């Protein structure tokens, strides 16, 4: 209403401008704050949407230890989709080599590891090519789908 009011004299005109200037500055600061908060919220929402599309449930995992010239455990049963990691704790190098060629770790020095994800059900017999008496097996069973929530 004050914007449309016509001042009677110069004194009243100056008083209207004096009253409006601080209000306009405060409104300008508030608008800047609102715009910045809206931009920050949009950036955060976009970032979380990207994270949701790339993230999935972690794959199940299992570990086999190579120690004292043996694979432990000698027989491992896992679900399809499981990531198996071999870790060599021996002083001598070893390999984890599938008899049918599905995987081959090449030489693993002490402390080295090798991982392989088993996607197909079946029995995988493997050995160490450096020490052929070292043998073990992995039994992969079909994974059961998790029940879907409605």
Foldseek 3Di string as FASTA:
>chain_A
DLVPDDDPDPVVVVVSVVVVVVVVVVVVVVVVVVVVVVVVVVVVVVVVVVVVVPDDDDFAEEEWECDPNETPPQEAEEEAFYKYKYAYQDQAWWWWAWPVGPDIRPTDHHGDMDIDGGHDFDKTKTATPVDRVHIGIYGYDYDDDDDDDD
